[in-house]
N, C-alpha and C. Protein backbone atom coordinates (compact mmCIF):
# COMPACT_ATOMS: atom_id res chain seq x y z
N UNK A 1 8.48 -103.22 -16.54
CA UNK A 1 7.21 -103.88 -16.77
C UNK A 1 7.26 -105.26 -16.12
N UNK A 2 6.34 -105.57 -15.27
CA UNK A 2 6.36 -106.87 -14.62
C UNK A 2 5.88 -107.96 -15.55
N UNK A 3 6.81 -108.66 -16.19
CA UNK A 3 6.45 -109.67 -17.17
C UNK A 3 5.78 -110.87 -16.55
N UNK A 4 5.92 -111.07 -15.24
CA UNK A 4 5.27 -112.18 -14.58
C UNK A 4 3.75 -112.08 -14.62
N UNK A 5 3.23 -110.89 -14.85
CA UNK A 5 1.79 -110.69 -14.90
C UNK A 5 1.19 -111.02 -16.27
N UNK A 6 2.04 -111.23 -17.26
CA UNK A 6 1.55 -111.54 -18.60
C UNK A 6 1.22 -113.01 -18.72
N UNK A 7 0.23 -113.37 -19.53
CA UNK A 7 -0.09 -114.78 -19.74
C UNK A 7 1.10 -115.53 -20.33
N UNK A 8 1.24 -116.79 -19.95
CA UNK A 8 2.33 -117.61 -20.48
C UNK A 8 2.05 -118.01 -21.92
N UNK A 9 3.09 -118.37 -22.65
CA UNK A 9 2.93 -118.79 -24.03
C UNK A 9 3.45 -117.71 -24.97
N UNK A 10 3.36 -117.98 -26.24
CA UNK A 10 3.85 -117.04 -27.24
C UNK A 10 3.03 -115.75 -27.20
N UNK A 11 3.74 -114.66 -27.15
CA UNK A 11 3.09 -113.36 -27.09
C UNK A 11 3.07 -112.71 -28.46
N UNK A 12 1.99 -112.02 -28.77
CA UNK A 12 2.00 -111.14 -29.93
C UNK A 12 2.42 -109.77 -29.41
N UNK A 13 2.55 -108.82 -30.27
CA UNK A 13 3.02 -107.50 -29.85
C UNK A 13 1.95 -106.68 -29.14
N UNK A 14 0.69 -106.97 -29.35
CA UNK A 14 -0.37 -106.14 -28.80
C UNK A 14 -0.39 -106.18 -27.27
N UNK A 15 -0.25 -107.35 -26.69
CA UNK A 15 -0.31 -107.47 -25.23
C UNK A 15 0.84 -106.75 -24.53
N UNK A 16 2.11 -107.01 -24.93
CA UNK A 16 3.19 -106.28 -24.25
C UNK A 16 3.10 -104.78 -24.47
N UNK A 17 2.64 -104.35 -25.65
CA UNK A 17 2.50 -102.92 -25.92
C UNK A 17 1.48 -102.30 -25.00
N UNK A 18 0.34 -102.95 -24.83
CA UNK A 18 -0.70 -102.43 -23.94
C UNK A 18 -0.21 -102.40 -22.49
N UNK A 19 0.49 -103.43 -22.07
CA UNK A 19 1.02 -103.47 -20.71
C UNK A 19 2.05 -102.37 -20.50
N UNK A 20 2.90 -102.17 -21.48
CA UNK A 20 3.92 -101.12 -21.38
C UNK A 20 3.26 -99.74 -21.31
N UNK A 21 2.24 -99.52 -22.14
CA UNK A 21 1.51 -98.24 -22.10
C UNK A 21 0.90 -98.02 -20.72
N UNK A 22 0.32 -99.06 -20.15
CA UNK A 22 -0.30 -98.96 -18.84
C UNK A 22 0.72 -98.64 -17.76
N UNK A 23 1.87 -99.31 -17.80
CA UNK A 23 2.92 -99.05 -16.81
C UNK A 23 3.43 -97.62 -16.90
N UNK A 24 3.60 -97.11 -18.10
CA UNK A 24 4.04 -95.72 -18.28
C UNK A 24 2.99 -94.75 -17.77
N UNK A 25 1.73 -95.06 -18.03
CA UNK A 25 0.63 -94.21 -17.56
C UNK A 25 0.59 -94.19 -16.03
N UNK A 26 0.75 -95.34 -15.40
CA UNK A 26 0.74 -95.42 -13.94
C UNK A 26 1.87 -94.59 -13.31
N UNK A 27 2.97 -94.47 -14.03
CA UNK A 27 4.14 -93.74 -13.52
C UNK A 27 4.25 -92.33 -14.09
N UNK A 28 3.27 -91.91 -14.86
CA UNK A 28 3.26 -90.57 -15.49
C UNK A 28 4.51 -90.33 -16.33
N UNK A 29 4.93 -91.35 -17.08
CA UNK A 29 6.09 -91.23 -17.96
C UNK A 29 5.61 -90.75 -19.32
N UNK A 30 6.15 -89.63 -19.82
CA UNK A 30 5.74 -89.13 -21.14
C UNK A 30 6.12 -90.12 -22.23
N UNK A 31 5.17 -90.40 -23.11
CA UNK A 31 5.36 -91.45 -24.11
C UNK A 31 4.57 -91.12 -25.36
N UNK A 32 5.20 -91.35 -26.52
CA UNK A 32 4.48 -91.26 -27.79
C UNK A 32 4.57 -92.61 -28.46
N UNK A 33 3.44 -93.07 -29.01
CA UNK A 33 3.36 -94.40 -29.62
C UNK A 33 3.17 -94.28 -31.12
N UNK A 34 3.79 -95.20 -31.87
CA UNK A 34 3.69 -95.26 -33.32
C UNK A 34 3.93 -93.90 -33.97
N UNK A 35 5.03 -93.31 -33.56
CA UNK A 35 5.43 -92.00 -34.06
C UNK A 35 5.90 -92.10 -35.51
N UNK A 36 5.37 -91.24 -36.35
CA UNK A 36 5.81 -91.19 -37.74
C UNK A 36 7.10 -90.38 -37.84
N UNK A 37 8.09 -90.96 -38.49
CA UNK A 37 9.39 -90.32 -38.63
C UNK A 37 9.59 -89.98 -40.10
N UNK A 38 9.57 -88.69 -40.45
CA UNK A 38 9.76 -88.32 -41.85
C UNK A 38 11.19 -88.61 -42.30
N UNK A 39 11.32 -88.99 -43.55
CA UNK A 39 12.63 -89.25 -44.14
C UNK A 39 12.95 -88.11 -45.08
N UNK A 40 14.02 -87.40 -44.78
CA UNK A 40 14.44 -86.29 -45.63
C UNK A 40 15.80 -86.62 -46.22
N UNK A 41 15.89 -86.42 -47.53
CA UNK A 41 17.14 -86.68 -48.24
C UNK A 41 17.31 -85.61 -49.29
N UNK A 42 18.43 -84.95 -49.27
CA UNK A 42 18.74 -83.84 -50.19
C UNK A 42 17.56 -82.87 -50.31
N UNK A 43 17.09 -82.43 -49.15
CA UNK A 43 16.02 -81.43 -49.02
C UNK A 43 14.67 -81.89 -49.54
N UNK A 44 14.50 -83.19 -49.70
CA UNK A 44 13.22 -83.73 -50.13
C UNK A 44 12.70 -84.69 -49.06
N UNK A 45 11.45 -84.53 -48.69
CA UNK A 45 10.83 -85.42 -47.71
C UNK A 45 10.04 -86.48 -48.46
N UNK A 46 10.34 -87.73 -48.18
CA UNK A 46 9.66 -88.84 -48.85
C UNK A 46 8.24 -88.98 -48.31
N UNK A 47 7.34 -89.45 -49.14
CA UNK A 47 5.93 -89.58 -48.77
C UNK A 47 5.69 -90.67 -47.74
N UNK A 48 6.46 -91.72 -47.77
CA UNK A 48 6.29 -92.84 -46.84
C UNK A 48 7.21 -92.67 -45.64
N UNK A 49 6.68 -92.19 -44.52
CA UNK A 49 7.54 -92.04 -43.34
C UNK A 49 7.77 -93.38 -42.65
N UNK A 50 8.78 -93.43 -41.82
CA UNK A 50 9.01 -94.59 -40.98
C UNK A 50 8.12 -94.47 -39.75
N UNK A 51 7.83 -95.58 -39.12
CA UNK A 51 6.96 -95.56 -37.93
C UNK A 51 7.66 -96.33 -36.81
N UNK A 52 8.05 -95.60 -35.76
CA UNK A 52 8.69 -96.27 -34.63
C UNK A 52 7.65 -96.62 -33.59
N UNK A 53 7.95 -97.60 -32.76
CA UNK A 53 6.98 -98.10 -31.78
C UNK A 53 6.73 -97.11 -30.64
N UNK A 54 7.80 -96.72 -29.94
CA UNK A 54 7.63 -95.84 -28.78
C UNK A 54 8.78 -94.84 -28.70
N UNK A 55 8.44 -93.62 -28.32
CA UNK A 55 9.44 -92.61 -27.97
C UNK A 55 9.12 -92.18 -26.54
N UNK A 56 10.04 -92.47 -25.64
CA UNK A 56 9.83 -92.22 -24.21
C UNK A 56 10.56 -90.94 -23.82
N UNK A 57 9.78 -89.96 -23.36
CA UNK A 57 10.32 -88.70 -22.83
C UNK A 57 11.29 -88.02 -23.81
N UNK A 58 11.11 -88.25 -25.08
CA UNK A 58 11.93 -87.65 -26.16
C UNK A 58 13.42 -88.00 -26.08
N UNK A 59 13.79 -89.03 -25.31
CA UNK A 59 15.20 -89.41 -25.21
C UNK A 59 15.46 -90.89 -25.43
N UNK A 60 14.41 -91.72 -25.44
CA UNK A 60 14.59 -93.17 -25.55
C UNK A 60 13.61 -93.74 -26.57
N UNK A 61 14.15 -94.41 -27.58
CA UNK A 61 13.33 -95.10 -28.57
C UNK A 61 13.26 -96.57 -28.20
N UNK A 62 12.04 -97.12 -28.19
CA UNK A 62 11.85 -98.54 -27.94
C UNK A 62 11.19 -99.18 -29.14
N UNK A 63 11.77 -100.26 -29.60
CA UNK A 63 11.20 -101.04 -30.70
C UNK A 63 10.86 -102.42 -30.15
N UNK A 64 9.62 -102.85 -30.36
CA UNK A 64 9.16 -104.15 -29.91
C UNK A 64 9.06 -105.09 -31.11
N UNK A 65 9.60 -106.29 -30.95
CA UNK A 65 9.55 -107.32 -32.00
C UNK A 65 9.12 -108.64 -31.39
N UNK A 66 8.59 -109.51 -32.22
CA UNK A 66 8.37 -110.92 -31.87
C UNK A 66 8.94 -111.71 -33.04
N UNK A 67 10.24 -112.00 -32.95
CA UNK A 67 10.94 -112.70 -34.03
C UNK A 67 11.81 -113.80 -33.42
N UNK A 68 12.06 -114.85 -34.20
CA UNK A 68 12.90 -115.93 -33.69
C UNK A 68 14.32 -115.46 -33.44
N UNK A 69 14.80 -114.53 -34.28
CA UNK A 69 16.17 -114.04 -34.15
C UNK A 69 16.20 -112.56 -34.53
N UNK A 70 16.85 -111.77 -33.69
CA UNK A 70 17.05 -110.36 -34.03
C UNK A 70 18.13 -110.29 -35.09
N UNK A 71 17.79 -109.70 -36.22
CA UNK A 71 18.70 -109.62 -37.36
C UNK A 71 19.37 -108.24 -37.41
N UNK A 72 20.47 -108.13 -38.14
CA UNK A 72 21.12 -106.83 -38.29
C UNK A 72 20.18 -105.74 -38.83
N UNK A 73 19.22 -106.12 -39.66
CA UNK A 73 18.29 -105.13 -40.19
C UNK A 73 17.43 -104.53 -39.08
N UNK A 74 17.10 -105.29 -38.05
CA UNK A 74 16.33 -104.77 -36.92
C UNK A 74 17.14 -103.74 -36.15
N UNK A 75 18.42 -104.04 -35.94
CA UNK A 75 19.30 -103.10 -35.25
C UNK A 75 19.53 -101.85 -36.09
N UNK A 76 19.66 -102.03 -37.41
CA UNK A 76 19.85 -100.88 -38.31
C UNK A 76 18.62 -99.98 -38.30
N UNK A 77 17.45 -100.58 -38.21
CA UNK A 77 16.20 -99.82 -38.14
C UNK A 77 16.20 -98.93 -36.91
N UNK A 78 16.56 -99.48 -35.77
CA UNK A 78 16.61 -98.72 -34.53
C UNK A 78 17.64 -97.59 -34.63
N UNK A 79 18.81 -97.88 -35.17
CA UNK A 79 19.84 -96.85 -35.32
C UNK A 79 19.39 -95.75 -36.27
N UNK A 80 18.65 -96.11 -37.31
CA UNK A 80 18.13 -95.09 -38.24
C UNK A 80 17.16 -94.16 -37.53
N UNK A 81 16.26 -94.72 -36.74
CA UNK A 81 15.33 -93.89 -35.97
C UNK A 81 16.09 -92.95 -35.04
N UNK A 82 17.10 -93.48 -34.36
CA UNK A 82 17.87 -92.67 -33.43
C UNK A 82 18.56 -91.51 -34.15
N UNK A 83 19.11 -91.80 -35.32
CA UNK A 83 19.81 -90.75 -36.08
C UNK A 83 18.83 -89.72 -36.62
N UNK A 84 17.71 -90.17 -37.19
CA UNK A 84 16.74 -89.25 -37.78
C UNK A 84 16.11 -88.33 -36.73
N UNK A 85 15.92 -88.83 -35.52
CA UNK A 85 15.30 -88.03 -34.46
C UNK A 85 16.32 -87.42 -33.50
N UNK A 86 17.59 -87.67 -33.76
CA UNK A 86 18.66 -87.17 -32.88
C UNK A 86 18.37 -87.57 -31.42
N UNK A 87 18.06 -88.86 -31.25
CA UNK A 87 17.73 -89.41 -29.95
C UNK A 87 18.90 -90.25 -29.46
N UNK A 88 19.38 -89.99 -28.23
CA UNK A 88 20.61 -90.64 -27.78
C UNK A 88 20.49 -92.11 -27.37
N UNK A 89 19.29 -92.56 -27.03
CA UNK A 89 19.14 -93.91 -26.50
C UNK A 89 18.11 -94.72 -27.28
N UNK A 90 18.37 -96.02 -27.40
CA UNK A 90 17.43 -96.90 -28.06
C UNK A 90 17.58 -98.34 -27.58
N UNK A 91 16.44 -99.02 -27.43
CA UNK A 91 16.45 -100.42 -27.04
C UNK A 91 15.51 -101.20 -27.94
N UNK A 92 15.93 -102.42 -28.25
CA UNK A 92 15.14 -103.33 -29.06
C UNK A 92 14.73 -104.50 -28.17
N UNK A 93 13.41 -104.73 -28.06
CA UNK A 93 12.88 -105.81 -27.24
C UNK A 93 12.34 -106.91 -28.15
N UNK A 94 12.81 -108.14 -27.94
CA UNK A 94 12.29 -109.29 -28.68
C UNK A 94 11.48 -110.14 -27.72
N UNK A 95 10.16 -110.14 -27.88
CA UNK A 95 9.29 -110.87 -26.97
C UNK A 95 9.14 -112.34 -27.34
N UNK A 96 9.94 -112.81 -28.30
CA UNK A 96 9.92 -114.23 -28.65
C UNK A 96 10.79 -115.05 -27.67
N UNK A 97 11.64 -114.38 -26.93
CA UNK A 97 12.53 -115.06 -25.98
C UNK A 97 11.74 -115.56 -24.77
N UNK A 98 12.20 -116.65 -24.18
CA UNK A 98 11.57 -117.20 -22.98
C UNK A 98 11.76 -116.21 -21.82
N UNK A 99 12.96 -115.70 -21.65
CA UNK A 99 13.27 -114.70 -20.61
C UNK A 99 13.40 -113.35 -21.30
N UNK A 100 12.61 -112.38 -20.88
CA UNK A 100 12.62 -111.06 -21.52
C UNK A 100 14.03 -110.45 -21.52
N UNK A 101 14.76 -110.63 -20.44
CA UNK A 101 16.12 -110.05 -20.36
C UNK A 101 17.02 -110.54 -21.48
N UNK A 102 16.77 -111.74 -22.02
CA UNK A 102 17.55 -112.28 -23.12
C UNK A 102 17.17 -111.66 -24.45
N UNK A 103 16.04 -110.97 -24.50
CA UNK A 103 15.57 -110.39 -25.74
C UNK A 103 15.78 -108.90 -25.86
N UNK A 104 16.58 -108.32 -24.95
CA UNK A 104 16.83 -106.88 -24.98
C UNK A 104 18.17 -106.61 -25.62
N UNK A 105 18.17 -105.75 -26.64
CA UNK A 105 19.38 -105.36 -27.35
C UNK A 105 19.51 -103.85 -27.27
N UNK A 106 20.71 -103.39 -26.90
CA UNK A 106 20.94 -101.94 -26.83
C UNK A 106 21.58 -101.45 -28.10
């Protein structure tokens, strides 16, 4: 995603999400947004599912955040999604960073 095209200043999640969706559409990359992830425990599915930001081509989970600091709970959330969906790859993007590359956590 060409971040140079985004307006300068603090970003909310809506703008980078829309830009990311557009870039995937331009490249015909299969993508599901705000996917509900059911939680099953001892053969019971809980009523409140988890909601992940993006699932790309059924192999990569992307979570977008705008936080001052990525906390262990954010990483645990991503790992939970990966385990529940049996997805091998996941990235956490923090758009609060000045340089986007500094806000990417694998």
